[in-house]
N, C-alpha and C. Protein backbone atom coordinates (compact mmCIF):
# COMPACT_ATOMS: atom_id res chain seq x y z
N MET A 1 24.21 -160.15 10.65
CA MET A 1 23.69 -161.25 9.88
C MET A 1 23.63 -160.81 8.42
N SER A 2 24.16 -161.63 7.55
CA SER A 2 24.15 -161.28 6.14
C SER A 2 22.78 -161.55 5.53
N SER A 3 22.52 -160.89 4.44
CA SER A 3 21.22 -161.07 3.78
C SER A 3 21.11 -162.45 3.15
N SER A 4 22.21 -163.16 3.01
CA SER A 4 22.14 -164.49 2.42
C SER A 4 21.90 -165.58 3.47
N THR A 5 21.83 -165.23 4.74
CA THR A 5 21.57 -166.20 5.79
C THR A 5 20.11 -166.62 5.73
N THR A 6 19.87 -167.93 5.81
CA THR A 6 18.49 -168.43 5.75
C THR A 6 18.00 -168.81 7.13
N CYS A 7 16.69 -168.94 7.24
CA CYS A 7 16.09 -169.36 8.52
C CYS A 7 16.60 -170.73 8.90
N GLY A 8 16.78 -171.62 7.93
CA GLY A 8 17.28 -172.96 8.22
C GLY A 8 18.65 -172.93 8.87
N GLU A 9 19.50 -172.02 8.40
CA GLU A 9 20.84 -171.90 9.00
C GLU A 9 20.75 -171.39 10.42
N LEU A 10 19.78 -170.55 10.70
CA LEU A 10 19.66 -169.95 12.02
C LEU A 10 19.09 -170.91 13.05
N THR A 11 18.34 -171.89 12.62
CA THR A 11 17.74 -172.84 13.56
C THR A 11 18.29 -174.25 13.32
N ASP A 12 19.41 -174.35 12.67
CA ASP A 12 20.03 -175.62 12.34
C ASP A 12 20.31 -176.43 13.60
N SER A 13 19.88 -177.69 13.61
CA SER A 13 20.07 -178.53 14.79
C SER A 13 21.53 -178.87 15.04
N SER A 14 22.43 -178.53 14.12
CA SER A 14 23.85 -178.80 14.35
C SER A 14 24.40 -177.97 15.50
N VAL A 15 23.69 -176.93 15.90
CA VAL A 15 24.14 -176.12 17.04
C VAL A 15 23.65 -176.70 18.37
N PHE A 16 22.76 -177.70 18.32
CA PHE A 16 22.28 -178.30 19.56
C PHE A 16 23.46 -178.86 20.33
N GLY A 17 23.43 -178.67 21.63
CA GLY A 17 24.52 -179.14 22.47
C GLY A 17 25.62 -178.11 22.65
N THR A 18 25.48 -176.97 22.00
CA THR A 18 26.46 -175.90 22.11
C THR A 18 26.14 -175.06 23.34
N LEU A 19 27.15 -174.75 24.12
CA LEU A 19 26.94 -173.91 25.29
C LEU A 19 26.48 -172.53 24.87
N ILE A 20 25.73 -171.87 25.74
CA ILE A 20 25.13 -170.57 25.41
C ILE A 20 26.16 -169.57 24.90
N GLY A 21 27.33 -169.51 25.47
CA GLY A 21 28.33 -168.55 25.04
C GLY A 21 29.09 -168.95 23.79
N GLU A 22 28.89 -170.18 23.33
CA GLU A 22 29.58 -170.65 22.13
C GLU A 22 28.72 -170.55 20.87
N ARG A 23 27.43 -170.51 21.03
CA ARG A 23 26.54 -170.38 19.87
C ARG A 23 26.47 -168.91 19.50
N PRO A 24 26.54 -168.58 18.21
CA PRO A 24 26.42 -167.17 17.81
C PRO A 24 25.12 -166.58 18.35
N LEU A 25 25.22 -165.45 19.02
CA LEU A 25 24.07 -164.81 19.64
C LEU A 25 22.98 -164.54 18.62
N GLN A 26 23.35 -164.10 17.43
CA GLN A 26 22.34 -163.78 16.41
C GLN A 26 21.49 -165.00 16.07
N THR A 27 22.10 -166.17 15.98
CA THR A 27 21.31 -167.36 15.64
C THR A 27 20.39 -167.75 16.79
N GLY A 28 20.85 -167.59 18.02
CA GLY A 28 19.99 -167.88 19.16
C GLY A 28 18.81 -166.94 19.23
N LEU A 29 19.07 -165.65 19.03
CA LEU A 29 17.98 -164.67 19.06
C LEU A 29 17.02 -164.88 17.89
N ARG A 30 17.53 -165.30 16.76
CA ARG A 30 16.67 -165.58 15.60
C ARG A 30 15.77 -166.78 15.89
N THR A 31 16.29 -167.77 16.59
CA THR A 31 15.48 -168.91 16.99
C THR A 31 14.31 -168.44 17.84
N LEU A 32 14.58 -167.55 18.78
CA LEU A 32 13.51 -167.01 19.63
C LEU A 32 12.52 -166.20 18.80
N GLU A 33 13.03 -165.42 17.86
CA GLU A 33 12.14 -164.62 17.02
C GLU A 33 11.20 -165.52 16.21
N LEU A 34 11.76 -166.54 15.60
CA LEU A 34 10.95 -167.44 14.78
C LEU A 34 10.02 -168.30 15.63
N GLY A 35 10.46 -168.66 16.83
CA GLY A 35 9.71 -169.58 17.66
C GLY A 35 8.73 -168.94 18.62
N VAL A 36 8.89 -167.65 18.91
CA VAL A 36 8.01 -167.00 19.89
C VAL A 36 7.32 -165.77 19.28
N THR A 37 8.08 -164.91 18.68
CA THR A 37 7.53 -163.66 18.15
C THR A 37 6.42 -163.92 17.13
N THR A 38 6.59 -164.95 16.32
CA THR A 38 5.56 -165.27 15.33
C THR A 38 4.23 -165.62 16.00
N HIS A 39 4.29 -166.31 17.13
CA HIS A 39 3.08 -166.64 17.88
C HIS A 39 2.44 -165.37 18.45
N LEU A 40 3.28 -164.50 18.98
CA LEU A 40 2.77 -163.24 19.54
C LEU A 40 2.09 -162.38 18.48
N ILE A 41 2.68 -162.30 17.33
CA ILE A 41 2.09 -161.50 16.24
C ILE A 41 0.73 -162.07 15.84
N THR A 42 0.66 -163.38 15.70
CA THR A 42 -0.61 -164.01 15.33
C THR A 42 -1.68 -163.75 16.39
N SER A 43 -1.31 -163.93 17.65
CA SER A 43 -2.26 -163.70 18.74
C SER A 43 -2.69 -162.24 18.83
N TRP A 44 -1.77 -161.34 18.57
CA TRP A 44 -2.07 -159.91 18.61
C TRP A 44 -3.18 -159.58 17.62
N HIS A 45 -3.15 -160.25 16.47
CA HIS A 45 -4.19 -160.02 15.46
C HIS A 45 -5.48 -160.78 15.76
N LEU A 46 -5.36 -161.99 16.27
CA LEU A 46 -6.53 -162.86 16.46
C LEU A 46 -7.32 -162.56 17.73
N ALA A 47 -6.64 -162.34 18.84
CA ALA A 47 -7.33 -162.19 20.13
C ALA A 47 -8.43 -161.13 20.11
N PRO A 48 -8.19 -159.94 19.57
CA PRO A 48 -9.26 -158.93 19.57
C PRO A 48 -10.50 -159.37 18.77
N LEU A 49 -10.31 -160.14 17.72
CA LEU A 49 -11.45 -160.64 16.94
C LEU A 49 -12.28 -161.62 17.76
N LEU A 50 -11.60 -162.48 18.52
CA LEU A 50 -12.31 -163.44 19.35
C LEU A 50 -13.03 -162.75 20.51
N VAL A 51 -12.36 -161.77 21.11
CA VAL A 51 -12.97 -161.01 22.20
C VAL A 51 -14.22 -160.30 21.69
N GLU A 52 -14.15 -159.74 20.50
CA GLU A 52 -15.30 -159.04 19.92
C GLU A 52 -16.49 -159.98 19.73
N GLN A 53 -16.20 -161.24 19.39
CA GLN A 53 -17.26 -162.24 19.23
C GLN A 53 -17.79 -162.74 20.57
N GLY A 54 -16.97 -162.59 21.61
CA GLY A 54 -17.37 -163.10 22.92
C GLY A 54 -17.27 -164.59 23.06
N ARG A 55 -16.50 -165.21 22.18
CA ARG A 55 -16.29 -166.66 22.23
C ARG A 55 -15.16 -167.01 21.26
N GLY A 56 -14.68 -168.22 21.35
CA GLY A 56 -13.69 -168.68 20.40
C GLY A 56 -12.64 -169.56 21.03
N LEU A 57 -11.74 -170.01 20.19
CA LEU A 57 -10.66 -170.90 20.59
C LEU A 57 -9.38 -170.46 19.90
N LEU A 58 -8.36 -170.22 20.68
CA LEU A 58 -7.04 -169.89 20.16
C LEU A 58 -6.13 -171.08 20.50
N ILE A 59 -5.53 -171.65 19.49
CA ILE A 59 -4.66 -172.82 19.67
C ILE A 59 -3.21 -172.41 19.46
N GLU A 60 -2.37 -172.73 20.42
CA GLU A 60 -0.93 -172.59 20.27
C GLU A 60 -0.36 -173.97 20.02
N VAL A 61 0.52 -174.10 19.04
CA VAL A 61 1.15 -175.38 18.73
C VAL A 61 2.62 -175.28 19.07
N THR A 62 3.09 -176.23 19.84
CA THR A 62 4.50 -176.28 20.22
C THR A 62 5.02 -177.69 19.99
N ASP A 63 6.20 -177.94 20.48
CA ASP A 63 6.83 -179.25 20.37
C ASP A 63 7.35 -179.60 21.75
N ALA A 64 6.49 -180.20 22.54
CA ALA A 64 6.84 -180.49 23.93
C ALA A 64 6.48 -181.91 24.28
N ALA A 65 6.98 -182.85 23.50
CA ALA A 65 6.59 -184.25 23.67
C ALA A 65 6.90 -184.82 25.04
N GLU A 66 7.84 -184.23 25.75
CA GLU A 66 8.15 -184.74 27.09
C GLU A 66 7.08 -184.37 28.09
N GLY A 67 6.10 -183.61 27.68
CA GLY A 67 5.05 -183.20 28.60
C GLY A 67 5.40 -181.95 29.36
N GLY A 68 6.42 -181.25 28.94
CA GLY A 68 6.73 -179.96 29.54
C GLY A 68 7.80 -179.95 30.60
N ASP A 69 8.52 -181.05 30.77
CA ASP A 69 9.51 -181.06 31.84
C ASP A 69 10.91 -181.52 31.43
N GLY A 70 11.15 -181.63 30.15
CA GLY A 70 12.47 -182.08 29.69
C GLY A 70 13.22 -180.99 28.97
N TYR A 71 14.53 -180.98 29.11
CA TYR A 71 15.35 -179.99 28.40
C TYR A 71 15.37 -180.31 26.92
N ARG A 72 15.30 -179.30 26.08
CA ARG A 72 15.15 -179.46 24.64
C ARG A 72 16.40 -179.12 23.85
N GLU A 73 17.43 -179.90 23.89
CA GLU A 73 18.60 -179.83 23.01
C GLU A 73 19.50 -178.60 23.11
N ASP A 74 18.95 -177.45 23.31
CA ASP A 74 19.69 -176.19 23.21
C ASP A 74 18.92 -175.12 23.97
N LEU A 75 19.61 -174.23 24.64
CA LEU A 75 18.95 -173.24 25.49
C LEU A 75 17.94 -172.39 24.73
N TYR A 76 18.29 -171.91 23.56
CA TYR A 76 17.38 -171.05 22.79
C TYR A 76 16.17 -171.84 22.29
N TYR A 77 16.41 -173.02 21.79
CA TYR A 77 15.33 -173.88 21.30
C TYR A 77 14.39 -174.25 22.45
N ASP A 78 14.97 -174.64 23.56
CA ASP A 78 14.21 -174.99 24.76
C ASP A 78 13.33 -173.81 25.19
N LEU A 79 13.92 -172.65 25.24
CA LEU A 79 13.19 -171.46 25.65
C LEU A 79 12.04 -171.14 24.68
N ALA A 80 12.31 -171.27 23.40
CA ALA A 80 11.28 -170.99 22.40
C ALA A 80 10.10 -171.96 22.53
N LYS A 81 10.39 -173.23 22.70
CA LYS A 81 9.31 -174.22 22.78
C LYS A 81 8.47 -174.06 24.04
N TYR A 82 9.12 -173.81 25.18
CA TYR A 82 8.36 -173.67 26.41
C TYR A 82 7.72 -172.30 26.54
N ALA A 83 8.24 -171.30 25.86
CA ALA A 83 7.62 -169.98 25.86
C ALA A 83 6.23 -170.04 25.22
N VAL A 84 6.06 -170.90 24.24
CA VAL A 84 4.75 -171.04 23.60
C VAL A 84 3.73 -171.58 24.60
N GLN A 85 4.15 -172.50 25.45
CA GLN A 85 3.25 -172.98 26.50
C GLN A 85 2.89 -171.85 27.46
N ARG A 86 3.87 -171.07 27.85
CA ARG A 86 3.61 -169.95 28.75
C ARG A 86 2.70 -168.92 28.09
N LEU A 87 2.87 -168.74 26.79
CA LEU A 87 2.00 -167.83 26.05
C LEU A 87 0.55 -168.30 26.13
N ALA A 88 0.33 -169.59 26.01
CA ALA A 88 -1.03 -170.13 26.10
C ALA A 88 -1.59 -169.92 27.51
N ILE A 89 -0.78 -170.13 28.52
CA ILE A 89 -1.24 -169.94 29.90
C ILE A 89 -1.62 -168.48 30.14
N GLY A 90 -0.76 -167.57 29.74
CA GLY A 90 -1.04 -166.14 29.93
C GLY A 90 -2.26 -165.67 29.17
N GLN A 91 -2.37 -166.10 27.93
CA GLN A 91 -3.53 -165.69 27.13
C GLN A 91 -4.82 -166.28 27.70
N ALA A 92 -4.73 -167.49 28.24
CA ALA A 92 -5.91 -168.11 28.84
C ALA A 92 -6.43 -167.26 29.99
N VAL A 93 -5.52 -166.76 30.81
CA VAL A 93 -5.92 -165.90 31.93
C VAL A 93 -6.58 -164.62 31.41
N GLU A 94 -5.97 -164.01 30.42
CA GLU A 94 -6.49 -162.75 29.89
C GLU A 94 -7.80 -162.90 29.12
N LEU A 95 -7.95 -164.01 28.40
CA LEU A 95 -9.10 -164.14 27.50
C LEU A 95 -10.28 -164.91 28.09
N ARG A 96 -10.07 -165.63 29.19
CA ARG A 96 -11.15 -166.40 29.82
C ARG A 96 -12.39 -165.53 30.12
N PRO A 97 -12.22 -164.33 30.68
CA PRO A 97 -13.41 -163.51 30.98
C PRO A 97 -14.24 -163.15 29.73
N TYR A 98 -13.67 -163.31 28.57
CA TYR A 98 -14.36 -162.96 27.33
C TYR A 98 -14.90 -164.19 26.59
N GLY A 99 -14.85 -165.34 27.27
CA GLY A 99 -15.38 -166.56 26.67
C GLY A 99 -14.48 -167.19 25.64
N VAL A 100 -13.19 -166.83 25.65
CA VAL A 100 -12.23 -167.35 24.68
C VAL A 100 -11.32 -168.36 25.38
N ALA A 101 -11.27 -169.56 24.84
CA ALA A 101 -10.38 -170.60 25.37
C ALA A 101 -9.05 -170.54 24.63
N VAL A 102 -7.98 -170.81 25.34
CA VAL A 102 -6.64 -170.89 24.74
C VAL A 102 -6.03 -172.22 25.17
N VAL A 103 -5.69 -173.03 24.19
CA VAL A 103 -5.15 -174.36 24.46
C VAL A 103 -3.84 -174.52 23.70
N CYS A 104 -2.88 -175.15 24.34
CA CYS A 104 -1.60 -175.45 23.70
C CYS A 104 -1.60 -176.94 23.35
N VAL A 105 -1.20 -177.27 22.14
CA VAL A 105 -1.15 -178.66 21.70
C VAL A 105 0.24 -178.99 21.18
N THR A 106 0.57 -180.27 21.25
CA THR A 106 1.85 -180.73 20.76
C THR A 106 1.71 -182.08 20.07
N PRO A 107 2.37 -182.23 18.94
CA PRO A 107 2.44 -183.56 18.34
C PRO A 107 3.58 -184.34 18.98
N GLY A 108 3.64 -185.60 18.63
CA GLY A 108 4.81 -186.40 18.98
C GLY A 108 5.82 -186.27 17.86
N PHE A 109 6.46 -187.36 17.49
CA PHE A 109 7.41 -187.38 16.38
C PHE A 109 6.60 -187.24 15.10
N LEU A 110 6.65 -186.08 14.51
CA LEU A 110 5.81 -185.75 13.37
C LEU A 110 6.39 -186.35 12.08
N ARG A 111 5.59 -187.16 11.43
CA ARG A 111 5.98 -187.79 10.17
C ARG A 111 5.51 -186.91 9.02
N SER A 112 6.08 -185.71 8.97
CA SER A 112 5.72 -184.75 7.93
C SER A 112 6.47 -185.07 6.64
N GLU A 113 6.11 -184.38 5.59
CA GLU A 113 6.79 -184.57 4.31
C GLU A 113 8.28 -184.26 4.45
N ALA A 114 8.61 -183.22 5.18
CA ALA A 114 10.01 -182.84 5.36
C ALA A 114 10.79 -183.91 6.12
N VAL A 115 10.19 -184.47 7.15
CA VAL A 115 10.85 -185.53 7.93
C VAL A 115 11.03 -186.77 7.07
N LEU A 116 9.99 -187.15 6.34
CA LEU A 116 10.09 -188.32 5.46
C LEU A 116 11.22 -188.14 4.45
N GLU A 117 11.29 -186.96 3.87
CA GLU A 117 12.35 -186.68 2.89
C GLU A 117 13.72 -186.73 3.55
N HIS A 118 13.84 -186.13 4.72
CA HIS A 118 15.11 -186.13 5.45
C HIS A 118 15.57 -187.56 5.76
N LEU A 119 14.64 -188.43 6.10
CA LEU A 119 14.97 -189.81 6.44
C LEU A 119 15.06 -190.72 5.22
N GLY A 120 14.73 -190.19 4.05
CA GLY A 120 14.84 -190.97 2.83
C GLY A 120 13.77 -192.03 2.67
N VAL A 121 12.58 -191.75 3.22
CA VAL A 121 11.46 -192.68 3.08
C VAL A 121 10.24 -191.91 2.60
N THR A 122 9.20 -192.65 2.29
CA THR A 122 7.95 -192.03 1.86
C THR A 122 6.83 -192.48 2.80
N GLU A 123 5.66 -191.91 2.64
CA GLU A 123 4.53 -192.31 3.46
C GLU A 123 4.18 -193.78 3.19
N GLU A 124 4.50 -194.27 2.00
CA GLU A 124 4.20 -195.65 1.66
C GLU A 124 5.19 -196.65 2.29
N ASP A 125 6.46 -196.25 2.44
CA ASP A 125 7.46 -197.21 2.94
C ASP A 125 8.11 -196.83 4.27
N TRP A 126 7.53 -195.89 5.02
CA TRP A 126 8.14 -195.45 6.28
C TRP A 126 8.24 -196.57 7.30
N ARG A 127 7.34 -197.53 7.23
CA ARG A 127 7.39 -198.63 8.21
C ARG A 127 8.68 -199.44 8.06
N GLU A 128 9.24 -199.44 6.87
CA GLU A 128 10.55 -200.11 6.68
C GLU A 128 11.60 -199.43 7.55
N ARG A 129 11.58 -198.11 7.59
CA ARG A 129 12.50 -197.35 8.43
C ARG A 129 12.28 -197.70 9.91
N ALA A 130 11.03 -197.95 10.26
CA ALA A 130 10.69 -198.26 11.65
C ALA A 130 11.34 -199.56 12.11
N ARG A 131 11.65 -200.44 11.18
CA ARG A 131 12.34 -201.69 11.55
C ARG A 131 13.74 -201.42 12.08
N HIS A 132 14.32 -200.28 11.66
CA HIS A 132 15.67 -199.92 12.08
C HIS A 132 15.69 -198.88 13.20
N ASP A 133 14.56 -198.26 13.43
CA ASP A 133 14.45 -197.23 14.47
C ASP A 133 13.09 -197.41 15.15
N ALA A 134 13.08 -198.12 16.26
CA ALA A 134 11.83 -198.50 16.92
C ALA A 134 10.97 -197.29 17.30
N THR A 135 11.58 -196.16 17.62
CA THR A 135 10.77 -195.00 18.01
C THR A 135 9.97 -194.45 16.84
N PHE A 136 10.41 -194.71 15.61
CA PHE A 136 9.70 -194.22 14.43
C PHE A 136 8.32 -194.88 14.31
N VAL A 137 8.16 -196.05 14.92
CA VAL A 137 6.86 -196.73 14.93
C VAL A 137 5.80 -195.82 15.54
N TYR A 138 6.20 -194.97 16.48
CA TYR A 138 5.27 -194.11 17.18
C TYR A 138 5.11 -192.74 16.52
N SER A 139 5.64 -192.58 15.33
CA SER A 139 5.51 -191.30 14.62
C SER A 139 4.07 -191.11 14.16
N GLU A 140 3.74 -189.87 13.83
CA GLU A 140 2.37 -189.54 13.46
C GLU A 140 2.35 -188.56 12.30
N THR A 141 1.24 -188.59 11.55
CA THR A 141 1.09 -187.63 10.45
C THR A 141 0.61 -186.29 11.02
N PRO A 142 0.78 -185.22 10.27
CA PRO A 142 0.27 -183.92 10.72
C PRO A 142 -1.25 -183.93 10.94
N ARG A 143 -1.95 -184.79 10.25
CA ARG A 143 -3.41 -184.83 10.39
C ARG A 143 -3.85 -185.34 11.76
N TYR A 144 -3.01 -186.11 12.42
CA TYR A 144 -3.36 -186.63 13.75
C TYR A 144 -3.60 -185.47 14.71
N LEU A 145 -2.64 -184.55 14.77
CA LEU A 145 -2.82 -183.38 15.62
C LEU A 145 -3.96 -182.51 15.09
N GLY A 146 -4.09 -182.42 13.77
CA GLY A 146 -5.19 -181.66 13.16
C GLY A 146 -6.55 -182.18 13.59
N ARG A 147 -6.67 -183.48 13.69
CA ARG A 147 -7.93 -184.06 14.15
C ARG A 147 -8.19 -183.69 15.62
N GLY A 148 -7.13 -183.61 16.39
CA GLY A 148 -7.27 -183.17 17.77
C GLY A 148 -7.72 -181.73 17.87
N VAL A 149 -7.17 -180.88 17.04
CA VAL A 149 -7.57 -179.47 17.01
C VAL A 149 -9.03 -179.35 16.60
N ALA A 150 -9.44 -180.12 15.60
CA ALA A 150 -10.84 -180.11 15.16
C ALA A 150 -11.76 -180.56 16.30
N ALA A 151 -11.33 -181.55 17.05
CA ALA A 151 -12.14 -182.03 18.18
C ALA A 151 -12.26 -180.95 19.25
N LEU A 152 -11.16 -180.27 19.54
CA LEU A 152 -11.21 -179.17 20.51
C LEU A 152 -12.15 -178.07 20.04
N ALA A 153 -12.10 -177.77 18.76
CA ALA A 153 -12.92 -176.68 18.21
C ALA A 153 -14.41 -176.98 18.28
N THR A 154 -14.77 -178.24 18.34
CA THR A 154 -16.19 -178.60 18.40
C THR A 154 -16.62 -179.04 19.79
N ASP A 155 -15.73 -178.99 20.75
CA ASP A 155 -16.03 -179.39 22.12
C ASP A 155 -16.79 -178.27 22.83
N PRO A 156 -18.04 -178.49 23.22
CA PRO A 156 -18.80 -177.43 23.88
C PRO A 156 -18.23 -177.07 25.26
N ASP A 157 -17.39 -177.93 25.83
CA ASP A 157 -16.79 -177.68 27.14
C ASP A 157 -15.31 -177.31 27.04
N VAL A 158 -14.89 -176.77 25.92
CA VAL A 158 -13.47 -176.48 25.71
C VAL A 158 -12.93 -175.47 26.73
N MET A 159 -13.78 -174.64 27.30
CA MET A 159 -13.31 -173.67 28.30
C MET A 159 -12.68 -174.38 29.51
N LYS A 160 -13.09 -175.61 29.77
CA LYS A 160 -12.49 -176.37 30.88
C LYS A 160 -11.04 -176.72 30.61
N LYS A 161 -10.64 -176.62 29.37
CA LYS A 161 -9.27 -176.98 28.98
C LYS A 161 -8.36 -175.76 28.81
N THR A 162 -8.90 -174.58 28.94
CA THR A 162 -8.13 -173.37 28.68
C THR A 162 -6.88 -173.29 29.55
N GLY A 163 -5.79 -172.91 28.93
CA GLY A 163 -4.51 -172.76 29.62
C GLY A 163 -3.72 -174.04 29.79
N GLN A 164 -4.18 -175.13 29.20
CA GLN A 164 -3.51 -176.42 29.38
C GLN A 164 -2.82 -176.87 28.10
N LEU A 165 -1.88 -177.81 28.27
CA LEU A 165 -1.16 -178.44 27.17
C LEU A 165 -1.71 -179.85 26.97
N PHE A 166 -1.97 -180.19 25.71
CA PHE A 166 -2.46 -181.53 25.37
C PHE A 166 -1.63 -182.11 24.23
N ALA A 167 -1.21 -183.34 24.39
CA ALA A 167 -0.50 -184.06 23.33
C ALA A 167 -1.52 -184.69 22.40
N SER A 168 -1.11 -184.92 21.18
CA SER A 168 -2.01 -185.50 20.17
C SER A 168 -2.60 -186.82 20.65
N TRP A 169 -1.79 -187.66 21.29
CA TRP A 169 -2.28 -188.97 21.72
C TRP A 169 -3.30 -188.86 22.85
N ASP A 170 -3.16 -187.86 23.69
CA ASP A 170 -4.17 -187.64 24.75
C ASP A 170 -5.50 -187.19 24.14
N LEU A 171 -5.41 -186.31 23.16
CA LEU A 171 -6.62 -185.85 22.47
C LEU A 171 -7.29 -187.02 21.75
N ALA A 172 -6.48 -187.90 21.14
CA ALA A 172 -7.03 -189.06 20.43
C ALA A 172 -7.79 -189.98 21.37
N GLU A 173 -7.24 -190.19 22.55
CA GLU A 173 -7.93 -191.03 23.54
C GLU A 173 -9.24 -190.39 23.99
N GLU A 174 -9.17 -189.11 24.32
CA GLU A 174 -10.36 -188.43 24.84
C GLU A 174 -11.47 -188.31 23.80
N TYR A 175 -11.09 -187.96 22.56
CA TYR A 175 -12.09 -187.68 21.54
C TYR A 175 -12.31 -188.85 20.57
N ASP A 176 -11.62 -189.96 20.80
CA ASP A 176 -11.82 -191.19 20.03
C ASP A 176 -11.60 -191.01 18.52
N PHE A 177 -10.39 -190.62 18.17
CA PHE A 177 -10.03 -190.57 16.75
C PHE A 177 -8.68 -191.26 16.56
N THR A 178 -8.35 -191.54 15.31
CA THR A 178 -7.09 -192.21 14.98
C THR A 178 -6.33 -191.37 13.97
N ASP A 179 -5.10 -191.77 13.74
CA ASP A 179 -4.30 -191.17 12.69
C ASP A 179 -4.77 -191.76 11.35
N LEU A 180 -4.21 -191.29 10.26
CA LEU A 180 -4.59 -191.78 8.93
C LEU A 180 -4.38 -193.28 8.78
N THR A 181 -3.43 -193.82 9.55
CA THR A 181 -3.10 -195.24 9.49
C THR A 181 -4.07 -196.10 10.29
N GLY A 182 -5.00 -195.46 10.99
CA GLY A 182 -5.98 -196.20 11.77
C GLY A 182 -5.53 -196.52 13.19
N ASP A 183 -4.32 -196.10 13.56
CA ASP A 183 -3.83 -196.36 14.91
C ASP A 183 -3.76 -195.06 15.72
N ARG A 184 -3.36 -195.20 16.96
CA ARG A 184 -3.21 -194.06 17.85
C ARG A 184 -1.77 -194.00 18.35
N PRO A 185 -0.87 -193.43 17.54
CA PRO A 185 0.52 -193.37 17.99
C PRO A 185 0.67 -192.52 19.24
N ASN A 186 1.54 -192.99 20.13
CA ASN A 186 1.80 -192.28 21.38
C ASN A 186 3.31 -192.17 21.53
N TRP A 187 3.86 -191.03 21.15
CA TRP A 187 5.30 -190.82 21.17
C TRP A 187 5.89 -191.03 22.56
N LEU A 188 5.20 -190.59 23.57
CA LEU A 188 5.70 -190.73 24.93
C LEU A 188 5.87 -192.20 25.30
N ARG A 189 4.93 -193.03 24.91
CA ARG A 189 5.02 -194.47 25.17
C ARG A 189 6.23 -195.06 24.46
N GLY A 190 6.50 -194.57 23.26
CA GLY A 190 7.61 -195.11 22.47
C GLY A 190 8.98 -194.69 22.96
N THR A 191 9.06 -193.65 23.76
CA THR A 191 10.36 -193.17 24.22
C THR A 191 10.68 -193.61 25.64
N ARG A 192 9.81 -194.36 26.25
CA ARG A 192 10.05 -194.81 27.63
C ARG A 192 10.41 -196.27 27.68
């Protein structure tokens, strides 16, 4: 890999649909490094601090809008996304005896600044885009999932959720919050 190669080139969605033997191995391995190793490094630093306190919440964030049972575009990408869920399950088993909950969360179609820019719309006019792409109606801001994480962090019974995956819309229903737009987007509902 040359020093001029960027992370964007290594995880470029243009390789989606490429058979495992046709995608450059270095880019596939880099996808795993960026998508899994970064989570492991963070947990390696955080878990001992939480164990020392005898309580806490470790949140893993992935992109598993199908609820954990759908193939994700490309073998490496698929593996990276579902490995984060497995990381949450494993850490939950290890950290439960120390009073530390580990929960995996996922947004739906994230209406982030990067996505808005890519689609050529803004937060003010994205609904115009939704007229041409019905699934975009169910998109959500990053704060929607953030509100779910905040709700988990203040839930006195969060240990009951340890080792599980929760979508932003499920958290919104349970904890009664909305996105910035005042609605409760549900990506899964929009894709069925």
